[in-house]
Amino acid sequence: MQSLNIASPIIRRLEDGLTLRRSSPADTEKLVKFNAEIHKDALVGEWTRDLMSGKHPTFGVGDFTIVENPRTGEIVSTMNLIDQT
């Protein structure tokens, strides 16, 4: 595995050609669809859309991590942490 520059949206290149990277506004619809499908709950998709809107006080559009197949653009895994006090 290769570690990359911290300023890059790409965090690391993984085995099998997958990429671990930070989310961007362009990922919103793919994240909404992925999370709704994986959790089998449309409300989780809408919550994802809300988080990606930039209106959350402690969550930004780059705060999801995405494992993606760059050949297909398919999201294969995602994770986020929401800072709370």
PDB file of N, CA and C in Angstrom:
ATOM      1  N   MET A   1       0.840  -1.184   0.000  1.00  0.00           N
ATOM      2  CA  MET A   1       0.000   0.000   0.000  1.00  0.00           C
ATOM      3  C   MET A   1       0.880   1.241   0.000  1.00  0.00           C
ATOM      4  N   GLN A   2       0.434   2.245  -0.707  1.00  0.00           N
ATOM      5  CA  GLN A   2       1.219   3.464  -0.848  1.00  0.00           C
ATOM      6  C   GLN A   2       0.490   4.613  -0.167  1.00  0.00           C
ATOM      7  N   SER A   3       1.166   5.302   0.737  1.00  0.00           N
ATOM      8  CA  SER A   3       0.605   6.482   1.373  1.00  0.00           C
ATOM      9  C   SER A   3       0.872   7.689   0.497  1.00  0.00           C
ATOM     10  N   LEU A   4      -0.114   8.587   0.416  1.00  0.00           N
ATOM     11  CA  LEU A   4       0.009   9.744  -0.458  1.00  0.00           C
ATOM     12  C   LEU A   4      -0.010  11.040   0.322  1.00  0.00           C
ATOM     13  N   ASN A   5       0.239  12.134  -0.350  1.00  0.00           N
ATOM     14  CA  ASN A   5       0.272  13.472   0.221  1.00  0.00           C
ATOM     15  C   ASN A   5      -1.022  13.781   0.975  1.00  0.00           C
ATOM     16  N   ILE A   6      -0.943  14.310   2.182  1.00  0.00           N
ATOM     17  CA  ILE A   6      -2.098  14.602   3.023  1.00  0.00           C
ATOM     18  C   ILE A   6      -3.014  15.647   2.388  1.00  0.00           C
ATOM     19  N   ALA A   7      -2.486  16.534   1.550  1.00  0.00           N
ATOM     20  CA  ALA A   7      -3.304  17.565   0.907  1.00  0.00           C
ATOM     21  C   ALA A   7      -4.152  16.989  -0.226  1.00  0.00           C
ATOM     22  N   SER A   8      -3.830  15.814  -0.687  1.00  0.00           N
ATOM     23  CA  SER A   8      -4.558  15.165  -1.773  1.00  0.00           C
ATOM     24  C   SER A   8      -5.861  14.571  -1.255  1.00  0.00           C
ATOM     25  N   PRO A   9      -6.920  14.552  -2.088  1.00  0.00           N
ATOM     26  CA  PRO A   9      -8.139  13.861  -1.663  1.00  0.00           C
ATOM     27  C   PRO A   9      -7.918  12.352  -1.567  1.00  0.00           C
ATOM     28  N   ILE A  10      -6.889  11.848  -2.256  1.00  0.00           N
ATOM     29  CA  ILE A  10      -6.567  10.423  -2.172  1.00  0.00           C
ATOM     30  C   ILE A  10      -5.700  10.197  -0.942  1.00  0.00           C
ATOM     31  N   ILE A  11      -6.157   9.325  -0.082  1.00  0.00           N
ATOM     32  CA  ILE A  11      -5.435   9.018   1.152  1.00  0.00           C
ATOM     33  C   ILE A  11      -4.432   7.893   0.904  1.00  0.00           C
ATOM     34  N   ARG A  12      -4.897   6.874   0.170  1.00  0.00           N
ATOM     35  CA  ARG A  12      -4.035   5.706  -0.047  1.00  0.00           C
ATOM     36  C   ARG A  12      -4.560   4.892  -1.225  1.00  0.00           C
ATOM     37  N   ARG A  13      -3.661   4.306  -1.956  1.00  0.00           N
ATOM     38  CA  ARG A  13      -4.034   3.343  -2.984  1.00  0.00           C
ATOM     39  C   ARG A  13      -4.009   1.970  -2.327  1.00  0.00           C
ATOM     40  N   LEU A  14      -5.066   1.225  -2.512  1.00  0.00           N
ATOM     41  CA  LEU A  14      -5.227  -0.066  -1.861  1.00  0.00           C
ATOM     42  C   LEU A  14      -4.975  -1.201  -2.857  1.00  0.00           C
ATOM     43  N   GLU A  15      -4.970  -2.412  -2.329  1.00  0.00           N
ATOM     44  CA  GLU A  15      -4.813  -3.587  -3.185  1.00  0.00           C
ATOM     45  C   GLU A  15      -5.985  -3.679  -4.158  1.00  0.00           C
ATOM     46  N   ASP A  16      -5.811  -4.440  -5.193  1.00  0.00           N
ATOM     47  CA  ASP A  16      -6.837  -4.666  -6.217  1.00  0.00           C
ATOM     48  C   ASP A  16      -7.217  -3.388  -6.947  1.00  0.00           C
ATOM     49  N   GLY A  17      -6.359  -2.371  -6.905  1.00  0.00           N
ATOM     50  CA  GLY A  17      -6.611  -1.149  -7.636  1.00  0.00           C
ATOM     51  C   GLY A  17      -7.602  -0.207  -6.990  1.00  0.00           C
ATOM     52  N   LEU A  18      -8.054  -0.500  -5.777  1.00  0.00           N
ATOM     53  CA  LEU A  18      -9.006   0.366  -5.090  1.00  0.00           C
ATOM     54  C   LEU A  18      -8.292   1.591  -4.531  1.00  0.00           C
ATOM     55  N   THR A  19      -9.068   2.644  -4.298  1.00  0.00           N
ATOM     56  CA  THR A  19      -8.528   3.890  -3.766  1.00  0.00           C
ATOM     57  C   THR A  19      -9.311   4.297  -2.535  1.00  0.00           C
ATOM     58  N   LEU A  20      -8.607   4.672  -1.480  1.00  0.00           N
ATOM     59  CA  LEU A  20      -9.212   5.262  -0.284  1.00  0.00           C
ATOM     60  C   LEU A  20      -9.021   6.760  -0.413  1.00  0.00           C
ATOM     61  N   ARG A  21     -10.134   7.501  -0.367  1.00  0.00           N
ATOM     62  CA  ARG A  21     -10.032   8.949  -0.549  1.00  0.00           C
ATOM     63  C   ARG A  21     -11.098   9.667   0.261  1.00  0.00           C
ATOM     64  N   ARG A  22     -10.928  10.989   0.327  1.00  0.00           N
ATOM     65  CA  ARG A  22     -11.908  11.847   0.983  1.00  0.00           C
ATOM     66  C   ARG A  22     -13.041  12.151   0.017  1.00  0.00           C
ATOM     67  N   SER A  23     -14.215  12.403   0.551  1.00  0.00           N
ATOM     68  CA  SER A  23     -15.361  12.757  -0.284  1.00  0.00           C
ATOM     69  C   SER A  23     -15.245  14.193  -0.783  1.00  0.00           C
ATOM     70  N   SER A  24     -16.005  14.464  -1.835  1.00  0.00           N
ATOM     71  CA  SER A  24     -16.101  15.811  -2.385  1.00  0.00           C
ATOM     72  C   SER A  24     -17.571  16.061  -2.726  1.00  0.00           C
ATOM     73  N   PRO A  25     -17.950  17.302  -2.991  1.00  0.00           N
ATOM     74  CA  PRO A  25     -19.352  17.575  -3.351  1.00  0.00           C
ATOM     75  C   PRO A  25     -19.840  16.734  -4.535  1.00  0.00           C
ATOM     76  N   ALA A  26     -18.954  16.397  -5.446  1.00  0.00           N
ATOM     77  CA  ALA A  26     -19.333  15.586  -6.613  1.00  0.00           C
ATOM     78  C   ALA A  26     -19.762  14.174  -6.240  1.00  0.00           C
ATOM     79  N   ASP A  27     -19.446  13.739  -5.028  1.00  0.00           N
ATOM     80  CA  ASP A  27     -19.798  12.388  -4.575  1.00  0.00           C
ATOM     81  C   ASP A  27     -21.191  12.304  -3.949  1.00  0.00           C
ATOM     82  N   THR A  28     -21.855  13.405  -3.768  1.00  0.00           N
ATOM     83  CA  THR A  28     -23.095  13.436  -2.992  1.00  0.00           C
ATOM     84  C   THR A  28     -24.102  12.388  -3.453  1.00  0.00           C
ATOM     85  N   GLU A  29     -24.470  12.393  -4.709  1.00  0.00           N
ATOM     86  CA  GLU A  29     -25.524  11.475  -5.168  1.00  0.00           C
ATOM     87  C   GLU A  29     -25.103  10.015  -5.072  1.00  0.00           C
ATOM     88  N   LYS A  30     -23.823   9.730  -5.372  1.00  0.00           N
ATOM     89  CA  LYS A  30     -23.353   8.339  -5.229  1.00  0.00           C
ATOM     90  C   LYS A  30     -23.369   7.907  -3.766  1.00  0.00           C
ATOM     91  N   LEU A  31     -22.995   8.812  -2.863  1.00  0.00           N
ATOM     92  CA  LEU A  31     -23.026   8.486  -1.434  1.00  0.00           C
ATOM     93  C   LEU A  31     -24.451   8.283  -0.940  1.00  0.00           C
ATOM     94  N   VAL A  32     -25.370   9.142  -1.382  1.00  0.00           N
ATOM     95  CA  VAL A  32     -26.784   9.008  -0.989  1.00  0.00           C
ATOM     96  C   VAL A  32     -27.299   7.635  -1.413  1.00  0.00           C
ATOM     97  N   LYS A  33     -27.074   7.286  -2.674  1.00  0.00           N
ATOM     98  CA  LYS A  33     -27.550   6.012  -3.195  1.00  0.00           C
ATOM     99  C   LYS A  33     -26.897   4.834  -2.472  1.00  0.00           C
ATOM    100  N   PHE A  34     -25.574   4.886  -2.311  1.00  0.00           N
ATOM    101  CA  PHE A  34     -24.852   3.793  -1.660  1.00  0.00           C
ATOM    102  C   PHE A  34     -25.355   3.586  -0.240  1.00  0.00           C
ATOM    103  N   ASN A  35     -25.436   4.662   0.542  1.00  0.00           N
ATOM    104  CA  ASN A  35     -25.843   4.516   1.942  1.00  0.00           C
ATOM    105  C   ASN A  35     -27.296   4.073   2.088  1.00  0.00           C
ATOM    106  N   ALA A  36     -28.168   4.566   1.232  1.00  0.00           N
ATOM    107  CA  ALA A  36     -29.571   4.127   1.277  1.00  0.00           C
ATOM    108  C   ALA A  36     -29.669   2.634   0.958  1.00  0.00           C
ATOM    109  N   GLU A  37     -28.913   2.187  -0.035  1.00  0.00           N
ATOM    110  CA  GLU A  37     -28.957   0.770  -0.425  1.00  0.00           C
ATOM    111  C   GLU A  37     -28.315  -0.129   0.613  1.00  0.00           C
ATOM    112  N   ILE A  38     -27.153   0.252   1.102  1.00  0.00           N
ATOM    113  CA  ILE A  38     -26.409  -0.616   2.017  1.00  0.00           C
ATOM    114  C   ILE A  38     -27.130  -0.751   3.362  1.00  0.00           C
ATOM    115  N   HIS A  39     -27.793   0.327   3.785  1.00  0.00           N
ATOM    116  CA  HIS A  39     -28.523   0.301   5.059  1.00  0.00           C
ATOM    117  C   HIS A  39     -29.988  -0.062   4.881  1.00  0.00           C
ATOM    118  N   LYS A  40     -30.397  -0.205   3.615  1.00  0.00           N
ATOM    119  CA  LYS A  40     -31.786  -0.537   3.279  1.00  0.00           C
ATOM    120  C   LYS A  40     -32.766   0.433   3.937  1.00  0.00           C
ATOM    121  N   ASP A  41     -32.402   1.732   3.857  1.00  0.00           N
ATOM    122  CA  ASP A  41     -33.207   2.769   4.496  1.00  0.00           C
ATOM    123  C   ASP A  41     -33.012   4.088   3.753  1.00  0.00           C
ATOM    124  N   ALA A  42     -34.073   4.548   3.091  1.00  0.00           N
ATOM    125  CA  ALA A  42     -33.999   5.800   2.337  1.00  0.00           C
ATOM    126  C   ALA A  42     -33.679   6.986   3.237  1.00  0.00           C
ATOM    127  N   LEU A  43     -34.067   6.912   4.513  1.00  0.00           N
ATOM    128  CA  LEU A  43     -33.774   8.011   5.431  1.00  0.00           C
ATOM    129  C   LEU A  43     -32.276   8.167   5.668  1.00  0.00           C
ATOM    130  N   VAL A  44     -31.544   7.070   5.647  1.00  0.00           N
ATOM    131  CA  VAL A  44     -30.086   7.153   5.785  1.00  0.00           C
ATOM    132  C   VAL A  44     -29.511   7.877   4.565  1.00  0.00           C
ATOM    133  N   GLY A  45     -30.083   7.630   3.401  1.00  0.00           N
ATOM    134  CA  GLY A  45     -29.659   8.348   2.205  1.00  0.00           C
ATOM    135  C   GLY A  45     -29.902   9.841   2.335  1.00  0.00           C
ATOM    136  N   GLU A  46     -31.077  10.210   2.844  1.00  0.00           N
ATOM    137  CA  GLU A  46     -31.388  11.636   3.011  1.00  0.00           C
ATOM    138  C   GLU A  46     -30.511  12.269   4.092  1.00  0.00           C
ATOM    139  N   TRP A  47     -30.185  11.516   5.130  1.00  0.00           N
ATOM    140  CA  TRP A  47     -29.272  12.016   6.161  1.00  0.00           C
ATOM    141  C   TRP A  47     -27.895  12.269   5.533  1.00  0.00           C
ATOM    142  N   THR A  48     -27.479  11.356   4.663  1.00  0.00           N
ATOM    143  CA  THR A  48     -26.211  11.535   3.953  1.00  0.00           C
ATOM    144  C   THR A  48     -26.242  12.819   3.131  1.00  0.00           C
ATOM    145  N   ARG A  49     -27.345  13.047   2.416  1.00  0.00           N
ATOM    146  CA  ARG A  49     -27.480  14.262   1.616  1.00  0.00           C
ATOM    147  C   ARG A  49     -27.366  15.500   2.515  1.00  0.00           C
ATOM    148  N   ASP A  50     -28.008  15.451   3.675  1.00  0.00           N
ATOM    149  CA  ASP A  50     -27.943  16.570   4.614  1.00  0.00           C
ATOM    150  C   ASP A  50     -26.501  16.804   5.082  1.00  0.00           C
ATOM    151  N   LEU A  51     -25.795  15.727   5.414  1.00  0.00           N
ATOM    152  CA  LEU A  51     -24.398  15.870   5.842  1.00  0.00           C
ATOM    153  C   LEU A  51     -23.539  16.468   4.733  1.00  0.00           C
ATOM    154  N   MET A  52     -23.811  16.098   3.497  1.00  0.00           N
ATOM    155  CA  MET A  52     -23.017  16.584   2.363  1.00  0.00           C
ATOM    156  C   MET A  52     -23.418  17.997   1.930  1.00  0.00           C
ATOM    157  N   SER A  53     -24.464  18.545   2.512  1.00  0.00           N
ATOM    158  CA  SER A  53     -24.935  19.882   2.112  1.00  0.00           C
ATOM    159  C   SER A  53     -24.008  21.000   2.574  1.00  0.00           C
ATOM    160  N   GLY A  54     -23.161  20.712   3.563  1.00  0.00           N
ATOM    161  CA  GLY A  54     -22.284  21.746   4.104  1.00  0.00           C
ATOM    162  C   GLY A  54     -22.935  22.569   5.201  1.00  0.00           C
ATOM    163  N   LYS A  55     -24.162  22.219   5.576  1.00  0.00           N
ATOM    164  CA  LYS A  55     -24.889  22.986   6.587  1.00  0.00           C
ATOM    165  C   LYS A  55     -24.723  22.435   8.003  1.00  0.00           C
ATOM    166  N   HIS A  56     -24.138  21.256   8.137  1.00  0.00           N
ATOM    167  CA  HIS A  56     -23.955  20.657   9.462  1.00  0.00           C
ATOM    168  C   HIS A  56     -22.831  21.394  10.191  1.00  0.00           C
ATOM    169  N   PRO A  57     -23.017  21.723  11.474  1.00  0.00           N
ATOM    170  CA  PRO A  57     -22.015  22.531  12.185  1.00  0.00           C
ATOM    171  C   PRO A  57     -20.664  21.845  12.409  1.00  0.00           C
ATOM    172  N   THR A  58     -20.634  20.517  12.419  1.00  0.00           N
ATOM    173  CA  THR A  58     -19.362  19.843  12.699  1.00  0.00           C
ATOM    174  C   THR A  58     -18.976  18.820  11.638  1.00  0.00           C
ATOM    175  N   PHE A  59     -19.647  18.846  10.488  1.00  0.00           N
ATOM    176  CA  PHE A  59     -19.355  17.869   9.434  1.00  0.00           C
ATOM    177  C   PHE A  59     -19.220  18.597   8.112  1.00  0.00           C
ATOM    178  N   GLY A  60     -18.148  18.322   7.392  1.00  0.00           N
ATOM    179  CA  GLY A  60     -17.924  18.954   6.100  1.00  0.00           C
ATOM    180  C   GLY A  60     -18.028  17.961   4.958  1.00  0.00           C
ATOM    181  N   VAL A  61     -18.086  18.476   3.737  1.00  0.00           N
ATOM    182  CA  VAL A  61     -18.262  17.606   2.569  1.00  0.00           C
ATOM    183  C   VAL A  61     -17.071  16.673   2.338  1.00  0.00           C
ATOM    184  N   GLY A  62     -15.941  16.925   2.955  1.00  0.00           N
ATOM    185  CA  GLY A  62     -14.782  16.047   2.829  1.00  0.00           C
ATOM    186  C   GLY A  62     -14.631  15.075   3.975  1.00  0.00           C
ATOM    187  N   ASP A  63     -15.663  14.943   4.815  1.00  0.00           N
ATOM    188  CA  ASP A  63     -15.542  14.137   6.024  1.00  0.00           C
ATOM    189  C   ASP A  63     -15.977  12.676   5.879  1.00  0.00           C
ATOM    190  N   PHE A  64     -16.446  12.278   4.709  1.00  0.00           N
ATOM    191  CA  PHE A  64     -16.634  10.851   4.445  1.00  0.00           C
ATOM    192  C   PHE A  64     -15.320  10.316   3.908  1.00  0.00           C
ATOM    193  N   THR A  65     -14.985   9.090   4.246  1.00  0.00           N
ATOM    194  CA  THR A  65     -13.927   8.394   3.528  1.00  0.00           C
ATOM    195  C   THR A  65     -14.627   7.420   2.591  1.00  0.00           C
ATOM    196  N   ILE A  66     -14.074   7.283   1.417  1.00  0.00           N
ATOM    197  CA  ILE A  66     -14.666   6.450   0.385  1.00  0.00           C
ATOM    198  C   ILE A  66     -13.621   5.478  -0.120  1.00  0.00           C
ATOM    199  N   VAL A  67     -13.990   4.205  -0.203  1.00  0.00           N
ATOM    200  CA  VAL A  67     -13.180   3.235  -0.934  1.00  0.00           C
ATOM    201  C   VAL A  67     -13.887   3.068  -2.268  1.00  0.00           C
ATOM    202  N   GLU A  68     -13.132   3.341  -3.325  1.00  0.00           N
ATOM    203  CA  GLU A  68     -13.722   3.384  -4.662  1.00  0.00           C
ATOM    204  C   GLU A  68     -12.921   2.539  -5.633  1.00  0.00           C
ATOM    205  N   ASN A  69     -13.623   1.941  -6.567  1.00  0.00           N
ATOM    206  CA  ASN A  69     -12.969   1.303  -7.693  1.00  0.00           C
ATOM    207  C   ASN A  69     -12.823   2.386  -8.758  1.00  0.00           C
ATOM    208  N   PRO A  70     -11.628   2.940  -8.947  1.00  0.00           N
ATOM    209  CA  PRO A  70     -11.466   4.056  -9.874  1.00  0.00           C
ATOM    210  C   PRO A  70     -11.715   3.679 -11.333  1.00  0.00           C
ATOM    211  N   ARG A  71     -11.653   2.397 -11.644  1.00  0.00           N
ATOM    212  CA  ARG A  71     -11.922   1.973 -13.032  1.00  0.00           C
ATOM    213  C   ARG A  71     -13.401   2.123 -13.366  1.00  0.00           C
ATOM    214  N   THR A  72     -14.275   1.913 -12.369  1.00  0.00           N
ATOM    215  CA  THR A  72     -15.723   1.973 -12.614  1.00  0.00           C
ATOM    216  C   THR A  72     -16.378   3.164 -11.943  1.00  0.00           C
ATOM    217  N   GLY A  73     -15.687   3.789 -10.981  1.00  0.00           N
ATOM    218  CA  GLY A  73     -16.271   4.880 -10.208  1.00  0.00           C
ATOM    219  C   GLY A  73     -17.206   4.386  -9.118  1.00  0.00           C
ATOM    220  N   GLU A  74     -17.290   3.064  -8.934  1.00  0.00           N
ATOM    221  CA  GLU A  74     -18.191   2.474  -7.953  1.00  0.00           C
ATOM    222  C   GLU A  74     -17.643   2.634  -6.531  1.00  0.00           C
ATOM    223  N   ILE A  75     -18.510   3.088  -5.623  1.00  0.00           N
ATOM    224  CA  ILE A  75     -18.166   3.112  -4.205  1.00  0.00           C
ATOM    225  C   ILE A  75     -18.361   1.704  -3.662  1.00  0.00           C
ATOM    226  N   VAL A  76     -17.341   1.176  -2.995  1.00  0.00           N
ATOM    227  CA  VAL A  76     -17.447  -0.168  -2.428  1.00  0.00           C
ATOM    228  C   VAL A  76     -17.517  -0.133  -0.902  1.00  0.00           C
ATOM    229  N   SER A  77     -17.159   0.996  -0.312  1.00  0.00           N
ATOM    230  CA  SER A  77     -17.248   1.152   1.136  1.00  0.00           C
ATOM    231  C   SER A  77     -17.152   2.639   1.462  1.00  0.00           C
ATOM    232  N   THR A  78     -17.752   3.017   2.565  1.00  0.00           N
ATOM    233  CA  THR A  78     -17.650   4.395   3.023  1.00  0.00           C
ATOM    234  C   THR A  78     -17.798   4.433   4.538  1.00  0.00           C
ATOM    235  N   MET A  79     -17.255   5.483   5.120  1.00  0.00           N
ATOM    236  CA  MET A  79     -17.329   5.646   6.567  1.00  0.00           C
ATOM    237  C   MET A  79     -17.294   7.146   6.882  1.00  0.00           C
ATOM    238  N   ASN A  80     -17.916   7.509   7.979  1.00  0.00           N
ATOM    239  CA  ASN A  80     -17.794   8.877   8.448  1.00  0.00           C
ATOM    240  C   ASN A  80     -17.906   8.904   9.964  1.00  0.00           C
ATOM    241  N   LEU A  81     -17.305   9.915  10.533  1.00  0.00           N
ATOM    242  CA  LEU A  81     -17.436  10.186  11.959  1.00  0.00           C
ATOM    243  C   LEU A  81     -17.961  11.598  12.092  1.00  0.00           C
ATOM    244  N   ILE A  82     -18.958  11.772  12.945  1.00  0.00           N
ATOM    245  CA  ILE A  82     -19.541  13.080  13.162  1.00  0.00           C
ATOM    246  C   ILE A  82     -19.076  13.577  14.524  1.00  0.00           C
ATOM    247  N   ASP A  83     -18.297  14.644  14.520  1.00  0.00           N
ATOM    248  CA  ASP A  83     -17.755  15.211  15.750  1.00  0.00           C
ATOM    249  C   ASP A  83     -18.896  15.728  16.618  1.00  0.00           C
ATOM    250  N   GLN A  84     -18.921  15.308  17.858  1.00  0.00           N
ATOM    251  CA  GLN A  84     -19.945  15.759  18.799  1.00  0.00           C
ATOM    252  C   GLN A  84     -19.303  16.009  20.150  1.00  0.00           C
ATOM    253  N   THR A  85     -19.889  16.924  20.878  1.00  0.00           N
ATOM    254  CA  THR A  85     -19.420  17.207  22.228  1.00  0.00           C
ATOM    255  C   THR A  85     -20.499  16.796  23.217  1.00  0.00           C
TER     256      THR A  85
END
